[in-house]
């Protein structure tokens, strides 16, 4: 079941705000969100992080990444150097030109249980599994555990 747009609450959401991860369905809803609630939501997240002793810093890609990971998304966050390696990798860029890979990433991102969706994609799609292996080797070339 698709998640509803958090702006209009009418259509299924297809996208997420890069700053606060609010789900939205269209350019119109994105603009409404950006103009009204995004700055307020980011400020609230920053204040909550500060209350808990966090720094509330901007993340690597311009979005908000509070120290309180549970308030936004669970899981591992890559470091700036790892993001730079991804961006500079021709192999990663080549994989991301593949429509099916992008589609799988979008499905995982939209899933209620992202970890379960990722595991399912890795088990059922050889190309996606190969992409993840390539991505892992690019962001972690030393092979150290992440």
N, C-alpha and C. Protein backbone atom coordinates (compact mmCIF):
# COMPACT_ATOMS: atom_id res chain seq x y z
N UNK A 1 0.83 -1.18 0.00
CA UNK A 1 0.00 0.00 0.00
C UNK A 1 0.89 1.25 0.00
N UNK A 2 0.65 2.14 -0.92
CA UNK A 2 1.45 3.35 -1.04
C UNK A 2 1.08 4.35 0.05
N UNK A 3 2.07 5.10 0.47
CA UNK A 3 1.86 6.13 1.48
C UNK A 3 1.23 7.36 0.83
N UNK A 4 0.31 8.00 1.52
CA UNK A 4 -0.37 9.20 1.01
C UNK A 4 0.55 10.41 1.11
N UNK A 5 0.33 11.34 0.21
CA UNK A 5 1.03 12.62 0.21
C UNK A 5 0.78 13.31 1.55
N UNK A 6 1.84 13.76 2.20
CA UNK A 6 1.69 14.43 3.49
C UNK A 6 1.31 15.90 3.35
N UNK A 7 1.21 16.39 2.11
CA UNK A 7 0.83 17.78 1.88
C UNK A 7 -0.66 17.87 1.58
N UNK A 8 -1.12 17.13 0.56
CA UNK A 8 -2.53 17.21 0.17
C UNK A 8 -3.37 16.08 0.78
N UNK A 9 -2.73 15.01 1.22
CA UNK A 9 -3.42 13.84 1.78
C UNK A 9 -4.43 13.23 0.82
N UNK A 10 -4.23 13.40 -0.47
CA UNK A 10 -5.16 12.86 -1.46
C UNK A 10 -4.50 11.80 -2.35
N UNK A 11 -3.38 12.13 -2.94
CA UNK A 11 -2.70 11.23 -3.87
C UNK A 11 -1.66 10.39 -3.14
N UNK A 12 -1.24 9.29 -3.78
CA UNK A 12 -0.14 8.50 -3.25
C UNK A 12 1.15 9.31 -3.41
N UNK A 13 2.00 9.25 -2.40
CA UNK A 13 3.26 9.99 -2.48
C UNK A 13 4.24 9.24 -3.39
N UNK A 14 5.03 9.99 -4.11
CA UNK A 14 6.04 9.41 -5.00
C UNK A 14 7.43 9.91 -4.66
N UNK A 15 7.50 11.00 -3.90
CA UNK A 15 8.77 11.67 -3.64
C UNK A 15 8.90 12.02 -2.17
N UNK A 16 10.13 12.39 -1.78
CA UNK A 16 10.37 12.84 -0.41
C UNK A 16 11.23 14.09 -0.44
N UNK A 17 10.90 15.01 0.42
CA UNK A 17 11.66 16.26 0.55
C UNK A 17 13.10 15.91 0.94
N UNK A 18 14.08 16.45 0.24
CA UNK A 18 15.47 16.13 0.57
C UNK A 18 15.91 16.70 1.91
N UNK A 19 15.20 17.69 2.42
CA UNK A 19 15.59 18.28 3.70
C UNK A 19 14.97 17.57 4.88
N UNK A 20 13.66 17.34 4.85
CA UNK A 20 12.98 16.81 6.03
C UNK A 20 12.32 15.45 5.80
N UNK A 21 12.39 14.93 4.57
CA UNK A 21 11.87 13.60 4.21
C UNK A 21 10.35 13.52 4.23
N UNK A 22 9.66 14.64 4.17
CA UNK A 22 8.20 14.65 4.07
C UNK A 22 7.81 14.08 2.71
N UNK A 23 6.84 13.19 2.69
CA UNK A 23 6.38 12.58 1.44
C UNK A 23 5.43 13.53 0.72
N UNK A 24 5.58 13.62 -0.61
CA UNK A 24 4.68 14.45 -1.40
C UNK A 24 4.45 13.78 -2.76
N UNK A 25 3.42 14.26 -3.48
CA UNK A 25 3.01 13.58 -4.71
C UNK A 25 3.33 14.33 -6.00
N UNK A 26 3.59 15.62 -5.94
CA UNK A 26 3.72 16.40 -7.17
C UNK A 26 4.55 17.65 -6.93
N UNK A 27 4.87 18.32 -8.02
CA UNK A 27 5.60 19.58 -7.95
C UNK A 27 4.78 20.61 -7.17
N UNK A 28 3.49 20.64 -7.42
CA UNK A 28 2.61 21.59 -6.72
C UNK A 28 2.71 21.37 -5.21
N UNK A 29 2.60 20.12 -4.77
CA UNK A 29 2.67 19.84 -3.34
C UNK A 29 4.06 20.13 -2.78
N UNK A 30 5.10 19.84 -3.57
CA UNK A 30 6.46 20.15 -3.12
C UNK A 30 6.62 21.65 -2.88
N UNK A 31 6.13 22.44 -3.81
CA UNK A 31 6.25 23.89 -3.66
C UNK A 31 5.47 24.39 -2.45
N UNK A 32 4.27 23.86 -2.25
CA UNK A 32 3.49 24.23 -1.07
C UNK A 32 4.23 23.86 0.21
N UNK A 33 4.76 22.66 0.23
CA UNK A 33 5.50 22.18 1.40
C UNK A 33 6.73 23.06 1.65
N UNK A 34 7.48 23.31 0.61
CA UNK A 34 8.71 24.09 0.73
C UNK A 34 8.43 25.50 1.24
N UNK A 35 7.36 26.10 0.74
CA UNK A 35 7.02 27.47 1.12
C UNK A 35 6.47 27.58 2.54
N UNK A 36 5.82 26.52 3.01
CA UNK A 36 5.16 26.66 4.30
C UNK A 36 5.79 25.81 5.40
N UNK A 37 5.78 24.52 5.26
CA UNK A 37 6.11 23.68 6.40
C UNK A 37 7.53 23.15 6.45
N UNK A 38 8.26 23.13 5.36
CA UNK A 38 9.59 22.51 5.36
C UNK A 38 10.54 23.24 6.30
N UNK A 39 10.63 24.53 6.18
CA UNK A 39 11.54 25.29 7.03
C UNK A 39 11.16 25.13 8.50
N UNK A 40 9.86 25.13 8.77
CA UNK A 40 9.38 24.95 10.14
C UNK A 40 9.74 23.55 10.64
N UNK A 41 9.53 22.54 9.82
CA UNK A 41 9.83 21.16 10.22
C UNK A 41 11.33 20.99 10.48
N UNK A 42 12.16 21.54 9.62
CA UNK A 42 13.60 21.43 9.80
C UNK A 42 14.04 22.16 11.07
N UNK A 43 13.44 23.30 11.35
CA UNK A 43 13.76 24.05 12.56
C UNK A 43 13.37 23.23 13.79
N UNK A 44 12.19 22.58 13.75
CA UNK A 44 11.75 21.77 14.88
C UNK A 44 12.69 20.59 15.10
N UNK A 45 13.13 19.93 14.01
CA UNK A 45 14.07 18.83 14.14
C UNK A 45 15.38 19.32 14.74
N UNK A 46 15.84 20.47 14.30
CA UNK A 46 17.08 21.03 14.81
C UNK A 46 16.96 21.34 16.30
N UNK A 47 15.82 21.90 16.71
CA UNK A 47 15.59 22.21 18.12
C UNK A 47 15.55 20.95 18.97
N UNK A 48 14.88 19.90 18.45
CA UNK A 48 14.83 18.63 19.18
C UNK A 48 16.21 18.03 19.33
N UNK A 49 17.02 18.10 18.28
CA UNK A 49 18.39 17.57 18.35
C UNK A 49 19.20 18.37 19.36
N UNK A 50 19.04 19.68 19.38
CA UNK A 50 19.77 20.53 20.33
C UNK A 50 19.37 20.21 21.77
N UNK A 51 18.07 19.97 21.99
CA UNK A 51 17.59 19.63 23.33
C UNK A 51 18.22 18.34 23.84
N UNK A 52 18.49 17.41 22.90
CA UNK A 52 19.08 16.13 23.28
C UNK A 52 20.60 16.18 23.25
N UNK A 53 21.15 17.36 23.02
CA UNK A 53 22.60 17.49 23.01
C UNK A 53 23.23 17.28 21.66
N UNK A 54 22.43 17.17 20.61
CA UNK A 54 22.96 16.96 19.27
C UNK A 54 23.32 18.27 18.62
N UNK A 55 23.99 18.17 17.51
CA UNK A 55 24.44 19.39 16.84
C UNK A 55 23.45 19.90 15.81
N UNK A 56 22.61 19.02 15.25
CA UNK A 56 21.65 19.43 14.24
C UNK A 56 22.30 20.00 13.01
N UNK A 57 23.36 19.35 12.53
CA UNK A 57 24.10 19.84 11.37
C UNK A 57 23.42 19.49 10.07
N UNK A 58 23.74 20.24 9.01
CA UNK A 58 23.31 19.90 7.66
C UNK A 58 24.04 18.63 7.25
N UNK A 59 23.40 17.78 6.48
CA UNK A 59 24.09 16.58 6.01
C UNK A 59 24.81 16.85 4.71
N UNK A 60 25.41 15.79 4.16
CA UNK A 60 26.28 15.91 3.01
C UNK A 60 25.58 16.40 1.75
N UNK A 61 24.34 16.10 1.57
CA UNK A 61 23.67 16.44 0.32
C UNK A 61 22.72 17.62 0.48
N UNK A 62 22.92 18.41 1.52
CA UNK A 62 22.12 19.61 1.68
C UNK A 62 20.86 19.41 2.48
N UNK A 63 20.53 18.19 2.85
CA UNK A 63 19.35 17.95 3.65
C UNK A 63 19.70 17.92 5.12
N UNK A 64 18.70 17.87 5.93
CA UNK A 64 18.90 17.88 7.37
C UNK A 64 19.23 16.50 7.87
N UNK A 65 20.24 16.41 8.71
CA UNK A 65 20.63 15.13 9.30
C UNK A 65 20.84 15.33 10.80
N UNK A 66 19.79 15.28 11.59
CA UNK A 66 19.95 15.48 13.02
C UNK A 66 20.73 14.34 13.64
N UNK A 67 21.32 14.61 14.79
CA UNK A 67 22.05 13.56 15.49
C UNK A 67 21.11 12.50 16.02
N UNK A 68 19.85 12.87 16.25
CA UNK A 68 18.84 11.93 16.71
C UNK A 68 18.30 11.18 15.51
N UNK A 69 19.00 10.11 15.10
CA UNK A 69 18.65 9.38 13.89
C UNK A 69 17.22 8.87 13.89
N UNK A 70 16.68 8.53 15.04
CA UNK A 70 15.33 7.97 15.09
C UNK A 70 14.27 8.98 14.68
N UNK A 71 14.60 10.27 14.75
CA UNK A 71 13.59 11.27 14.41
C UNK A 71 13.37 11.40 12.91
N UNK A 72 14.30 10.91 12.10
CA UNK A 72 14.14 10.99 10.65
C UNK A 72 14.12 9.61 10.04
N UNK A 73 15.24 8.95 9.98
CA UNK A 73 15.35 7.61 9.41
C UNK A 73 16.30 6.78 10.25
N UNK A 74 16.02 5.50 10.31
CA UNK A 74 16.89 4.60 11.02
C UNK A 74 18.02 4.18 10.10
N UNK A 75 19.09 3.65 10.69
CA UNK A 75 20.12 3.04 9.87
C UNK A 75 21.41 3.83 9.76
N UNK A 76 22.27 3.28 8.94
CA UNK A 76 23.61 3.80 8.72
C UNK A 76 23.59 5.04 7.84
N UNK A 77 24.40 6.02 8.17
CA UNK A 77 24.54 7.23 7.34
C UNK A 77 25.97 7.28 6.81
N UNK A 78 26.08 7.50 5.51
CA UNK A 78 27.42 7.56 4.93
C UNK A 78 28.10 8.87 5.27
N UNK A 79 29.42 8.84 5.23
CA UNK A 79 30.22 10.03 5.52
C UNK A 79 30.43 10.81 4.22
N UNK A 80 30.86 12.06 4.36
CA UNK A 80 31.07 12.92 3.19
C UNK A 80 32.06 12.30 2.20
N UNK A 81 33.13 11.73 2.69
CA UNK A 81 34.12 11.14 1.79
C UNK A 81 33.51 9.98 0.99
N UNK A 82 32.62 9.23 1.62
CA UNK A 82 31.96 8.12 0.93
C UNK A 82 31.00 8.65 -0.14
N UNK A 83 30.27 9.70 0.20
CA UNK A 83 29.38 10.32 -0.78
C UNK A 83 30.17 10.85 -1.97
N UNK A 84 31.30 11.46 -1.70
CA UNK A 84 32.16 11.96 -2.78
C UNK A 84 32.62 10.83 -3.70
N UNK A 85 32.98 9.70 -3.11
CA UNK A 85 33.40 8.54 -3.92
C UNK A 85 32.26 8.07 -4.81
N UNK A 86 31.04 8.04 -4.27
CA UNK A 86 29.87 7.62 -5.06
C UNK A 86 29.66 8.55 -6.23
N UNK A 87 29.69 9.85 -5.97
CA UNK A 87 29.43 10.85 -7.00
C UNK A 87 30.48 10.77 -8.10
N UNK A 88 31.72 10.51 -7.74
CA UNK A 88 32.82 10.50 -8.71
C UNK A 88 32.96 9.18 -9.46
N UNK A 89 32.27 8.14 -9.03
CA UNK A 89 32.43 6.82 -9.63
C UNK A 89 31.66 6.69 -10.95
N UNK A 90 32.40 6.46 -12.02
CA UNK A 90 31.77 6.22 -13.33
C UNK A 90 30.92 4.96 -13.30
N UNK A 91 31.37 3.94 -12.60
CA UNK A 91 30.63 2.68 -12.54
C UNK A 91 29.28 2.87 -11.84
N UNK A 92 29.28 3.62 -10.74
CA UNK A 92 28.02 3.89 -10.04
C UNK A 92 27.10 4.70 -10.94
N UNK A 93 27.64 5.72 -11.59
CA UNK A 93 26.83 6.54 -12.49
C UNK A 93 26.24 5.70 -13.62
N UNK A 94 27.03 4.77 -14.13
CA UNK A 94 26.55 3.89 -15.20
C UNK A 94 25.38 3.03 -14.71
N UNK A 95 25.51 2.47 -13.51
CA UNK A 95 24.43 1.67 -12.94
C UNK A 95 23.17 2.51 -12.77
N UNK A 96 23.35 3.75 -12.31
CA UNK A 96 22.19 4.61 -12.03
C UNK A 96 21.49 5.10 -13.30
N UNK A 97 22.10 4.90 -14.44
CA UNK A 97 21.44 5.22 -15.70
C UNK A 97 20.43 4.15 -16.10
N UNK A 98 20.52 3.01 -15.43
CA UNK A 98 19.62 1.89 -15.72
C UNK A 98 18.24 2.16 -15.09
N UNK A 99 17.19 2.24 -15.91
CA UNK A 99 15.85 2.53 -15.37
C UNK A 99 15.39 1.54 -14.30
N UNK A 100 15.71 0.27 -14.46
CA UNK A 100 15.25 -0.74 -13.50
C UNK A 100 15.92 -0.54 -12.13
N UNK A 101 17.18 -0.17 -12.12
CA UNK A 101 17.88 0.08 -10.87
C UNK A 101 17.25 1.28 -10.16
N UNK A 102 17.00 2.35 -10.90
CA UNK A 102 16.36 3.54 -10.31
C UNK A 102 14.97 3.20 -9.78
N UNK A 103 14.24 2.38 -10.52
CA UNK A 103 12.89 1.98 -10.10
C UNK A 103 12.94 1.21 -8.78
N UNK A 104 13.88 0.29 -8.67
CA UNK A 104 14.01 -0.49 -7.43
C UNK A 104 14.37 0.42 -6.26
N UNK A 105 15.28 1.36 -6.48
CA UNK A 105 15.67 2.31 -5.42
C UNK A 105 14.45 3.11 -4.97
N UNK A 106 13.65 3.59 -5.91
CA UNK A 106 12.46 4.36 -5.58
C UNK A 106 11.45 3.51 -4.79
N UNK A 107 11.30 2.25 -5.17
CA UNK A 107 10.38 1.36 -4.45
C UNK A 107 10.86 1.13 -3.02
N UNK A 108 12.15 0.94 -2.86
CA UNK A 108 12.70 0.74 -1.51
C UNK A 108 12.49 2.00 -0.68
N UNK A 109 12.77 3.15 -1.26
CA UNK A 109 12.63 4.41 -0.53
C UNK A 109 11.19 4.67 -0.12
N UNK A 110 10.23 4.24 -0.94
CA UNK A 110 8.82 4.48 -0.64
C UNK A 110 8.22 3.43 0.29
N UNK A 111 8.95 2.34 0.54
CA UNK A 111 8.42 1.24 1.35
C UNK A 111 8.28 1.64 2.81
N UNK A 112 7.27 1.09 3.47
CA UNK A 112 7.10 1.31 4.90
C UNK A 112 8.24 0.67 5.68
N UNK A 113 8.67 -0.51 5.25
CA UNK A 113 9.79 -1.22 5.88
C UNK A 113 10.93 -1.29 4.87
N UNK A 114 11.77 -0.26 4.87
CA UNK A 114 12.84 -0.16 3.87
C UNK A 114 13.83 -1.31 3.95
N UNK A 115 14.16 -1.72 5.16
CA UNK A 115 15.12 -2.80 5.31
C UNK A 115 14.60 -4.10 4.68
N UNK A 116 13.35 -4.38 4.92
CA UNK A 116 12.73 -5.58 4.33
C UNK A 116 12.67 -5.47 2.80
N UNK A 117 12.34 -4.29 2.29
CA UNK A 117 12.29 -4.08 0.84
C UNK A 117 13.68 -4.22 0.23
N UNK A 118 14.69 -3.70 0.91
CA UNK A 118 16.07 -3.82 0.42
C UNK A 118 16.48 -5.29 0.39
N UNK A 119 16.21 -6.01 1.47
CA UNK A 119 16.54 -7.44 1.51
C UNK A 119 15.85 -8.20 0.39
N UNK A 120 14.58 -7.90 0.15
CA UNK A 120 13.84 -8.56 -0.91
C UNK A 120 14.43 -8.27 -2.28
N UNK A 121 14.79 -7.03 -2.53
CA UNK A 121 15.38 -6.66 -3.82
C UNK A 121 16.72 -7.34 -4.02
N UNK A 122 17.51 -7.42 -2.96
CA UNK A 122 18.82 -8.08 -3.06
C UNK A 122 18.67 -9.57 -3.36
N UNK A 123 17.65 -10.19 -2.80
CA UNK A 123 17.43 -11.62 -3.00
C UNK A 123 16.84 -11.95 -4.36
N UNK A 124 16.04 -11.04 -4.92
CA UNK A 124 15.30 -11.38 -6.13
C UNK A 124 15.82 -10.74 -7.41
N UNK A 125 16.77 -9.81 -7.30
CA UNK A 125 17.23 -9.12 -8.50
C UNK A 125 18.75 -9.12 -8.56
N UNK A 126 19.29 -9.93 -9.44
CA UNK A 126 20.75 -10.07 -9.57
C UNK A 126 21.41 -8.75 -9.95
N UNK A 127 20.82 -8.00 -10.87
CA UNK A 127 21.41 -6.71 -11.26
C UNK A 127 21.47 -5.75 -10.08
N UNK A 128 20.40 -5.69 -9.30
CA UNK A 128 20.41 -4.80 -8.14
C UNK A 128 21.45 -5.26 -7.12
N UNK A 129 21.56 -6.56 -6.92
CA UNK A 129 22.57 -7.09 -6.01
C UNK A 129 23.97 -6.72 -6.49
N UNK A 130 24.21 -6.82 -7.79
CA UNK A 130 25.51 -6.44 -8.35
C UNK A 130 25.76 -4.94 -8.18
N UNK A 131 24.71 -4.13 -8.36
CA UNK A 131 24.83 -2.68 -8.14
C UNK A 131 25.23 -2.39 -6.70
N UNK A 132 24.59 -3.04 -5.74
CA UNK A 132 24.89 -2.81 -4.32
C UNK A 132 26.32 -3.25 -4.01
N UNK A 133 26.75 -4.37 -4.59
CA UNK A 133 28.14 -4.81 -4.40
C UNK A 133 29.12 -3.75 -4.93
N UNK A 134 28.82 -3.22 -6.11
CA UNK A 134 29.67 -2.18 -6.70
C UNK A 134 29.67 -0.93 -5.82
N UNK A 135 28.50 -0.53 -5.38
CA UNK A 135 28.37 0.65 -4.53
C UNK A 135 29.15 0.47 -3.22
N UNK A 136 29.04 -0.70 -2.63
CA UNK A 136 29.76 -0.99 -1.39
C UNK A 136 31.27 -0.91 -1.60
N UNK A 137 31.74 -1.45 -2.70
CA UNK A 137 33.19 -1.41 -2.96
C UNK A 137 33.67 0.01 -3.23
N UNK A 138 32.81 0.85 -3.78
CA UNK A 138 33.18 2.25 -4.05
C UNK A 138 33.23 3.05 -2.76
N UNK A 139 32.22 2.93 -1.92
CA UNK A 139 32.19 3.76 -0.70
C UNK A 139 33.08 3.20 0.41
N UNK A 140 33.45 1.93 0.28
CA UNK A 140 34.28 1.30 1.32
C UNK A 140 35.39 0.49 0.64
N UNK A 141 36.31 1.17 -0.07
CA UNK A 141 37.31 0.43 -0.85
C UNK A 141 38.27 -0.39 -0.01
N UNK A 142 38.44 -0.06 1.26
CA UNK A 142 39.35 -0.81 2.10
C UNK A 142 38.74 -2.14 2.54
N UNK A 143 37.43 -2.30 2.33
CA UNK A 143 36.76 -3.53 2.70
C UNK A 143 36.50 -3.67 4.19
N UNK A 144 36.70 -2.58 4.93
CA UNK A 144 36.46 -2.62 6.37
C UNK A 144 34.96 -2.70 6.63
N UNK A 145 34.57 -3.32 7.74
CA UNK A 145 33.13 -3.36 8.06
C UNK A 145 32.58 -1.97 8.24
N UNK A 146 31.33 -1.78 7.78
CA UNK A 146 30.72 -0.46 7.88
C UNK A 146 29.94 -0.33 9.12
